[in-house]
C-alpha atoms as a PDB file:
ATOM      1  CA  MET A   1     -66.099-103.673  21.574  1.00  0.00           C
ATOM      2  CA  ILE A   2     -63.260-104.598  23.944  1.00  0.00           C
ATOM      3  CA  THR A   3     -63.745-105.999  27.433  1.00  0.00           C
ATOM      4  CA  PRO A   4     -61.293-105.918  30.421  1.00  0.00           C
ATOM      5  CA  VAL A   5     -59.213-108.911  31.340  1.00  0.00           C
ATOM      6  CA  PRO A   6     -60.059-110.957  34.521  1.00  0.00           C
ATOM      7  CA  GLN A   7     -57.332-110.724  37.125  1.00  0.00           C
ATOM      8  CA  GLU A   8     -56.503-114.419  36.936  1.00  0.00           C
ATOM      9  CA  GLU A   9     -55.757-114.080  33.192  1.00  0.00           C
ATOM     10  CA  LYS A  10     -53.523-110.917  33.264  1.00  0.00           C
ATOM     11  CA  GLU A  11     -50.055-111.143  31.813  1.00  0.00           C
ATOM     12  CA  SER A  12     -47.235-108.727  31.390  1.00  0.00           C
ATOM     13  CA  PRO A  13     -46.945-107.140  27.949  1.00  0.00           C
ATOM     14  CA  PRO A  14     -44.922-109.489  25.649  1.00  0.00           C
ATOM     15  CA  HIS A  15     -41.224-108.485  25.182  1.00  0.00           C
ATOM     16  CA  TYR A  16     -41.522-109.509  21.617  1.00  0.00           C
ATOM     17  CA  LEU A  17     -44.165-106.828  20.812  1.00  0.00           C
ATOM     18  CA  GLN A  18     -42.321-104.152  22.816  1.00  0.00           C
ATOM     19  CA  GLU A  19     -39.082-104.875  20.913  1.00  0.00           C
ATOM     20  CA  HIS A  20     -40.600-104.876  17.446  1.00  0.00           C
ATOM     21  CA  LEU A  21     -42.990-101.971  18.077  1.00  0.00           C
ATOM     22  CA  ALA A  22     -40.952 -99.444  20.013  1.00  0.00           C
ATOM     23  CA  GLY A  23     -42.905 -96.526  21.356  1.00  0.00           C
ATOM     24  CA  TYR A  24     -46.196 -98.442  21.530  1.00  0.00           C
ATOM     25  CA  HIS A  25     -47.942 -98.901  24.881  1.00  0.00           C
ATOM     26  CA  PHE A  26     -49.514-102.360  25.130  1.00  0.00           C
ATOM     27  CA  THR A  27     -52.495-103.383  27.286  1.00  0.00           C
ATOM     28  CA  GLN A  28     -54.144-106.844  27.417  1.00  0.00           C
ATOM     29  CA  VAL A  29     -57.670-107.283  26.126  1.00  0.00           C
ATOM     30  CA  HIS A  30     -59.959-109.938  27.468  1.00  0.00           C
ATOM     31  CA  GLN A  31     -62.149-110.490  24.333  1.00  0.00           C
ATOM     32  CA  LEU A  32     -62.991-108.842  21.089  1.00  0.00           C
ATOM     33  CA  HIS A  33     -66.611-108.525  19.990  1.00  0.00           C
ATOM     34  CA  ILE A  34     -66.443-109.172  16.229  1.00  0.00           C
ATOM     35  CA  ASN A  35     -70.065-108.499  15.678  1.00  0.00           C
ATOM     36  CA  SER A  36     -73.317-108.716  17.753  1.00  0.00           C
ATOM     37  CA  LYS A  37     -73.057-112.524  18.046  1.00  0.00           C
ATOM     38  CA  ASP A  38     -69.336-113.445  17.758  1.00  0.00           C
ATOM     39  CA  VAL A  39     -66.366-112.957  20.090  1.00  0.00           C
ATOM     40  CA  CYS A  40     -62.794-113.945  20.080  1.00  0.00           C
ATOM     41  CA  LYS A  41     -60.866-114.562  23.371  1.00  0.00           C
ATOM     42  CA  LYS A  42     -58.254-116.787  25.029  1.00  0.00           C
ATOM     43  CA  GLY A  43     -58.671-120.475  24.255  1.00  0.00           C
ATOM     44  CA  TYR A  44     -60.644-119.923  21.030  1.00  0.00           C
ATOM     45  CA  PHE A  45     -59.486-121.375  17.705  1.00  0.00           C
ATOM     46  CA  VAL A  46     -59.142-119.034  14.778  1.00  0.00           C
ATOM     47  CA  VAL A  47     -58.113-119.394  11.084  1.00  0.00           C
ATOM     48  CA  ILE A  48     -55.096-117.286  10.110  1.00  0.00           C
ATOM     49  CA  PHE A  49     -54.761-116.108   6.592  1.00  0.00           C
ATOM     50  CA  PRO A  50     -51.148-114.797   6.349  1.00  0.00           C
ATOM     51  CA  ARG A  51     -50.651-111.890   3.929  1.00  0.00           C
ATOM     52  CA  ASN A  52     -47.386-113.276   2.715  1.00  0.00           C
ATOM     53  CA  LYS A  53     -49.107-115.890   0.572  1.00  0.00           C
ATOM     54  CA  SER A  54     -48.401-118.758   3.014  1.00  0.00           C
ATOM     55  CA  PRO A  55     -51.154-121.321   3.390  1.00  0.00           C
ATOM     56  CA  LYS A  56     -53.891-120.552   6.009  1.00  0.00           C
ATOM     57  CA  PHE A  57     -53.686-122.350   9.317  1.00  0.00           C
ATOM     58  CA  ILE A  58     -55.453-122.866  12.655  1.00  0.00           C
ATOM     59  CA  GLY A  59     -54.295-121.077  15.747  1.00  0.00           C
ATOM     60  CA  ARG A  60     -55.441-121.081  19.402  1.00  0.00           C
ATOM     61  CA  VAL A  61     -55.709-117.543  21.025  1.00  0.00           C
ATOM     62  CA  GLU A  62     -53.380-117.272  23.993  1.00  0.00           C
ATOM     63  CA  SER A  63     -53.825-113.563  24.532  1.00  0.00           C
ATOM     64  CA  ILE A  64     -54.935-110.346  22.786  1.00  0.00           C
ATOM     65  CA  TRP A  65     -53.021-107.125  23.005  1.00  0.00           C
ATOM     66  CA  LYS A  66     -54.015-103.463  22.128  1.00  0.00           C
ATOM     67  CA  GLY A  67     -51.074-101.316  21.086  1.00  0.00           C
ATOM     68  CA  GLN A  68     -51.325 -97.542  21.219  1.00  0.00           C
ATOM     69  CA  PHE A  69     -49.010 -94.986  19.687  1.00  0.00           C
ATOM     70  CA  PRO A  70     -49.847 -91.393  19.074  1.00  0.00           C
ATOM     71  CA  ASN A  71     -52.718 -91.325  16.556  1.00  0.00           C
ATOM     72  CA  ARG A  72     -52.508 -95.048  15.967  1.00  0.00           C
ATOM     73  CA  LYS A  73     -54.125 -98.148  17.561  1.00  0.00           C
ATOM     74  CA  THR A  74     -53.493-101.763  16.690  1.00  0.00           C
ATOM     75  CA  LEU A  75     -54.592-105.156  17.956  1.00  0.00           C
ATOM     76  CA  TYR A  76     -52.259-108.214  18.032  1.00  0.00           C
ATOM     77  CA  VAL A  77     -53.259-111.751  18.858  1.00  0.00           C
ATOM     78  CA  LYS A  78     -50.787-114.200  20.428  1.00  0.00           C
ATOM     79  CA  ILE A  79     -51.531-117.602  19.068  1.00  0.00           C
ATOM     80  CA  THR A  80     -50.271-121.130  19.335  1.00  0.00           C
ATOM     81  CA  ARG A  81     -50.032-122.704  15.820  1.00  0.00           C
ATOM     82  CA  PHE A  82     -51.760-126.006  15.022  1.00  0.00           C
ATOM     83  CA  GLN A  83     -51.081-128.312  12.048  1.00  0.00           C
ATOM     84  CA  VAL A  84     -54.200-129.622  10.257  1.00  0.00           C
ATOM     85  CA  LYS A  85     -53.909-133.320   9.677  1.00  0.00           C
ATOM     86  CA  SER A  86     -56.056-135.758   7.707  1.00  0.00           C
ATOM     87  CA  ILE A  87     -59.487-137.055   8.739  1.00  0.00           C
ATOM     88  CA  ASP A  88     -59.293-139.653  11.517  1.00  0.00           C
ATOM     89  CA  GLN A  89     -60.911-142.874  10.253  1.00  0.00           C
ATOM     90  CA  PHE A  90     -62.377-143.797  13.683  1.00  0.00           C
ATOM     91  CA  TYR A  91     -63.703-140.395  14.736  1.00  0.00           C
ATOM     92  CA  ASN A  92     -64.369-139.089  11.257  1.00  0.00           C
ATOM     93  CA  MET A  93     -62.901-135.713  12.328  1.00  0.00           C
ATOM     94  CA  THR A  94     -59.955-133.676  11.163  1.00  0.00           C
ATOM     95  CA  ALA A  95     -57.065-133.943  13.565  1.00  0.00           C
ATOM     96  CA  LEU A  96     -55.227-130.881  14.828  1.00  0.00           C
ATOM     97  CA  VAL A  97     -51.626-131.226  16.120  1.00  0.00           C
ATOM     98  CA  ASN A  98     -50.161-128.570  18.412  1.00  0.00           C
ATOM     99  CA  GLU A  99     -46.952-127.321  16.855  1.00  0.00           C
ATOM    100  CA  LYS A 100     -45.919-125.712  20.108  1.00  0.00           C
ATOM    101  CA  THR A 101     -45.065-122.566  18.173  1.00  0.00           C
ATOM    102  CA  ILE A 102     -46.151-119.128  19.551  1.00  0.00           C
ATOM    103  CA  GLU A 103     -46.631-116.199  17.092  1.00  0.00           C
ATOM    104  CA  PHE A 104     -48.118-112.774  17.071  1.00  0.00           C
ATOM    105  CA  TYR A 105     -50.533-111.628  14.306  1.00  0.00           C
ATOM    106  CA  LEU A 106     -52.012-108.253  13.525  1.00  0.00           C
ATOM    107  CA  ALA A 107     -55.734-108.790  14.184  1.00  0.00           C
ATOM    108  CA  SER A 108     -58.298-107.875  11.587  1.00  0.00           C
ATOM    109  CA  VAL A 109     -61.537-109.474  10.475  1.00  0.00           C
ATOM    110  CA  GLY A 110     -60.867-111.404   7.285  1.00  0.00           C
ATOM    111  CA  SER A 111     -57.081-111.139   7.183  1.00  0.00           C
ATOM    112  CA  SER A 112     -53.972-111.264   9.255  1.00  0.00           C
ATOM    113  CA  SER A 113     -50.254-110.560   8.927  1.00  0.00           C
ATOM    114  CA  PRO A 114     -47.354-111.858  11.073  1.00  0.00           C
ATOM    115  CA  LEU A 115     -44.843-109.602  12.787  1.00  0.00           C
ATOM    116  CA  PRO A 116     -41.390-109.734  11.156  1.00  0.00           C
END
């Protein structure tokens, strides 16, 4: 299930997606209902499993985009990449460091693939 975007969170469609997926019409999505209990939306952290055999990593959702082309629909997630560091001795928690890298990934439950 897809819910609409609040006015204060609306963005223009990313040029990157429009350039790489010519002919698609993109609309922003507020949140994705993964199942009856779980959602994914802006600000949430997700694990990305790239299909190109790169190691998995953590990303923070910046926006979600639905692309439509005749007889085809896709969902892309714009994420900020985070590097997983070692466990902090004082806090006893794994540290995440913002790499300040923005990427788009094809959204699917259980896997993802980056745009070229």
